[in-house]
Amino acid sequence: MFQKIRQFLGDVALEGRRISWPNRRDLVDSSLVVIVFIVLLAIVIMACDEVIRTLLRLVLGGEA
């Protein structure tokens, strides 16, 4: 059992040495893409919410 644990930890260390971390510019660019996507998605969800709210007011006749 300890041999398997040792082998696993050795494999983890080997994979850790293979990691290629992004440079600062790539990280900033990727972060900006994610932030812009989240903002756009929030706007789309807000618009859908308003459309559904308006439809409910029309169907139910009043405040919804």
N, C-alpha and C. Protein backbone atom coordinates (compact mmCIF):
# COMPACT_ATOMS: atom_id res chain seq x y z
N MET A 1 0.83 -1.19 0.00
CA MET A 1 0.00 0.00 0.00
C MET A 1 0.88 1.26 0.00
N PHE A 2 1.93 1.26 0.81
CA PHE A 2 2.81 2.43 0.86
C PHE A 2 3.55 2.62 -0.45
N GLN A 3 3.83 1.52 -1.14
CA GLN A 3 4.49 1.61 -2.45
C GLN A 3 3.58 2.32 -3.46
N LYS A 4 2.28 2.01 -3.40
CA LYS A 4 1.33 2.66 -4.31
C LYS A 4 1.22 4.14 -4.01
N ILE A 5 1.22 4.49 -2.72
CA ILE A 5 1.16 5.90 -2.34
C ILE A 5 2.41 6.62 -2.82
N ARG A 6 3.56 6.01 -2.64
CA ARG A 6 4.83 6.60 -3.08
C ARG A 6 4.82 6.79 -4.60
N GLN A 7 4.34 5.78 -5.32
CA GLN A 7 4.27 5.87 -6.78
C GLN A 7 3.33 7.00 -7.20
N PHE A 8 2.19 7.10 -6.53
CA PHE A 8 1.22 8.15 -6.85
C PHE A 8 1.84 9.53 -6.63
N LEU A 9 2.49 9.72 -5.48
CA LEU A 9 3.09 11.02 -5.20
C LEU A 9 4.22 11.33 -6.18
N GLY A 10 4.97 10.32 -6.58
CA GLY A 10 6.00 10.52 -7.59
C GLY A 10 5.41 10.95 -8.93
N ASP A 11 4.29 10.33 -9.30
CA ASP A 11 3.61 10.70 -10.54
C ASP A 11 3.06 12.14 -10.47
N VAL A 12 2.55 12.50 -9.29
CA VAL A 12 2.04 13.87 -9.11
C VAL A 12 3.19 14.87 -9.26
N ALA A 13 4.34 14.58 -8.67
CA ALA A 13 5.49 15.47 -8.78
C ALA A 13 5.96 15.57 -10.23
N LEU A 14 5.95 14.45 -10.95
CA LEU A 14 6.36 14.46 -12.35
C LEU A 14 5.41 15.32 -13.18
N GLU A 15 4.12 15.17 -12.97
CA GLU A 15 3.14 15.99 -13.69
C GLU A 15 3.30 17.46 -13.31
N GLY A 16 3.62 17.73 -12.05
CA GLY A 16 3.81 19.10 -11.61
C GLY A 16 4.95 19.78 -12.33
N ARG A 17 5.98 19.04 -12.67
CA ARG A 17 7.11 19.61 -13.42
C ARG A 17 6.75 19.86 -14.88
N ARG A 18 5.73 19.20 -15.38
CA ARG A 18 5.32 19.36 -16.78
C ARG A 18 4.39 20.56 -17.00
N ILE A 19 3.92 21.15 -15.94
CA ILE A 19 2.96 22.25 -16.05
C ILE A 19 3.64 23.44 -16.73
N SER A 20 2.97 24.01 -17.71
CA SER A 20 3.47 25.25 -18.32
C SER A 20 2.49 26.36 -17.92
N TRP A 21 2.94 27.23 -17.07
CA TRP A 21 2.10 28.31 -16.56
C TRP A 21 2.01 29.41 -17.61
N PRO A 22 0.87 30.07 -17.72
CA PRO A 22 0.75 31.17 -18.69
C PRO A 22 1.57 32.37 -18.22
N ASN A 23 2.01 33.16 -19.19
CA ASN A 23 2.71 34.38 -18.79
C ASN A 23 1.69 35.43 -18.37
N ARG A 24 2.16 36.52 -17.86
CA ARG A 24 1.27 37.54 -17.30
C ARG A 24 0.28 38.07 -18.35
N ARG A 25 0.76 38.31 -19.56
CA ARG A 25 -0.10 38.86 -20.62
C ARG A 25 -1.22 37.89 -20.98
N ASP A 26 -0.89 36.61 -21.11
CA ASP A 26 -1.91 35.60 -21.42
C ASP A 26 -2.94 35.51 -20.30
N LEU A 27 -2.47 35.60 -19.07
CA LEU A 27 -3.38 35.52 -17.92
C LEU A 27 -4.33 36.72 -17.89
N VAL A 28 -3.80 37.91 -18.16
CA VAL A 28 -4.64 39.11 -18.19
C VAL A 28 -5.65 39.02 -19.33
N ASP A 29 -5.20 38.59 -20.51
CA ASP A 29 -6.12 38.47 -21.65
C ASP A 29 -7.23 37.47 -21.36
N SER A 30 -6.89 36.33 -20.81
CA SER A 30 -7.90 35.31 -20.49
C SER A 30 -8.87 35.82 -19.44
N SER A 31 -8.35 36.52 -18.46
CA SER A 31 -9.22 37.06 -17.40
C SER A 31 -10.19 38.09 -17.97
N LEU A 32 -9.71 38.92 -18.86
CA LEU A 32 -10.60 39.92 -19.47
C LEU A 32 -11.69 39.26 -20.30
N VAL A 33 -11.35 38.22 -21.02
CA VAL A 33 -12.36 37.50 -21.81
C VAL A 33 -13.44 36.93 -20.89
N VAL A 34 -13.02 36.35 -19.78
CA VAL A 34 -13.98 35.77 -18.83
C VAL A 34 -14.86 36.86 -18.23
N ILE A 35 -14.27 37.98 -17.84
CA ILE A 35 -15.05 39.07 -17.23
C ILE A 35 -16.05 39.64 -18.23
N VAL A 36 -15.63 39.86 -19.47
CA VAL A 36 -16.54 40.39 -20.49
C VAL A 36 -17.68 39.39 -20.74
N PHE A 37 -17.36 38.11 -20.82
CA PHE A 37 -18.40 37.10 -21.03
C PHE A 37 -19.41 37.09 -19.89
N ILE A 38 -18.93 37.20 -18.66
CA ILE A 38 -19.83 37.20 -17.51
C ILE A 38 -20.74 38.42 -17.53
N VAL A 39 -20.19 39.58 -17.88
CA VAL A 39 -21.01 40.79 -17.95
C VAL A 39 -22.07 40.65 -19.04
N LEU A 40 -21.68 40.15 -20.21
CA LEU A 40 -22.65 39.96 -21.29
C LEU A 40 -23.73 38.95 -20.90
N LEU A 41 -23.33 37.88 -20.26
CA LEU A 41 -24.30 36.88 -19.81
C LEU A 41 -25.28 37.47 -18.79
N ALA A 42 -24.76 38.30 -17.90
CA ALA A 42 -25.63 38.96 -16.91
C ALA A 42 -26.64 39.87 -17.59
N ILE A 43 -26.21 40.58 -18.62
CA ILE A 43 -27.12 41.46 -19.36
C ILE A 43 -28.20 40.64 -20.07
N VAL A 44 -27.82 39.53 -20.68
CA VAL A 44 -28.80 38.68 -21.36
C VAL A 44 -29.80 38.11 -20.37
N ILE A 45 -29.32 37.66 -19.22
CA ILE A 45 -30.23 37.10 -18.20
C ILE A 45 -31.15 38.19 -17.67
N MET A 46 -30.64 39.39 -17.47
CA MET A 46 -31.47 40.49 -16.99
C MET A 46 -32.55 40.82 -18.02
N ALA A 47 -32.19 40.82 -19.31
CA ALA A 47 -33.17 41.10 -20.35
C ALA A 47 -34.25 40.02 -20.40
N CYS A 48 -33.85 38.77 -20.29
CA CYS A 48 -34.82 37.67 -20.27
C CYS A 48 -35.75 37.79 -19.06
N ASP A 49 -35.20 38.17 -17.94
CA ASP A 49 -36.00 38.35 -16.73
C ASP A 49 -37.04 39.44 -16.92
N GLU A 50 -36.64 40.53 -17.55
CA GLU A 50 -37.58 41.63 -17.79
C GLU A 50 -38.68 41.22 -18.76
N VAL A 51 -38.32 40.46 -19.79
CA VAL A 51 -39.32 39.99 -20.76
C VAL A 51 -40.32 39.07 -20.06
N ILE A 52 -39.83 38.15 -19.27
CA ILE A 52 -40.72 37.23 -18.55
C ILE A 52 -41.60 38.00 -17.57
N ARG A 53 -41.02 38.96 -16.87
CA ARG A 53 -41.80 39.77 -15.93
C ARG A 53 -42.91 40.53 -16.64
N THR A 54 -42.60 41.10 -17.79
CA THR A 54 -43.60 41.84 -18.57
C THR A 54 -44.70 40.90 -19.06
N LEU A 55 -44.33 39.73 -19.55
CA LEU A 55 -45.33 38.77 -20.01
C LEU A 55 -46.25 38.33 -18.86
N LEU A 56 -45.65 38.11 -17.70
CA LEU A 56 -46.47 37.72 -16.55
C LEU A 56 -47.44 38.82 -16.15
N ARG A 57 -46.99 40.07 -16.22
CA ARG A 57 -47.89 41.17 -15.90
C ARG A 57 -49.05 41.24 -16.88
N LEU A 58 -48.75 40.98 -18.17
CA LEU A 58 -49.82 40.99 -19.16
C LEU A 58 -50.81 39.84 -18.94
N VAL A 59 -50.29 38.67 -18.64
CA VAL A 59 -51.14 37.49 -18.47
C VAL A 59 -51.92 37.56 -17.18
N LEU A 60 -51.26 37.93 -16.10
CA LEU A 60 -51.91 37.94 -14.79
C LEU A 60 -52.65 39.24 -14.51
N GLY A 61 -52.35 40.28 -15.25
CA GLY A 61 -53.04 41.55 -15.08
C GLY A 61 -52.75 42.20 -13.74
N GLY A 62 -51.62 42.75 -13.59
CA GLY A 62 -51.29 43.44 -12.35
C GLY A 62 -49.80 43.36 -12.08
N GLU A 63 -49.45 43.48 -10.83
CA GLU A 63 -48.05 43.42 -10.43
C GLU A 63 -47.62 41.96 -10.28
N ALA A 64 -46.50 41.64 -10.87
CA ALA A 64 -45.95 40.29 -10.75
C ALA A 64 -44.50 40.37 -10.36
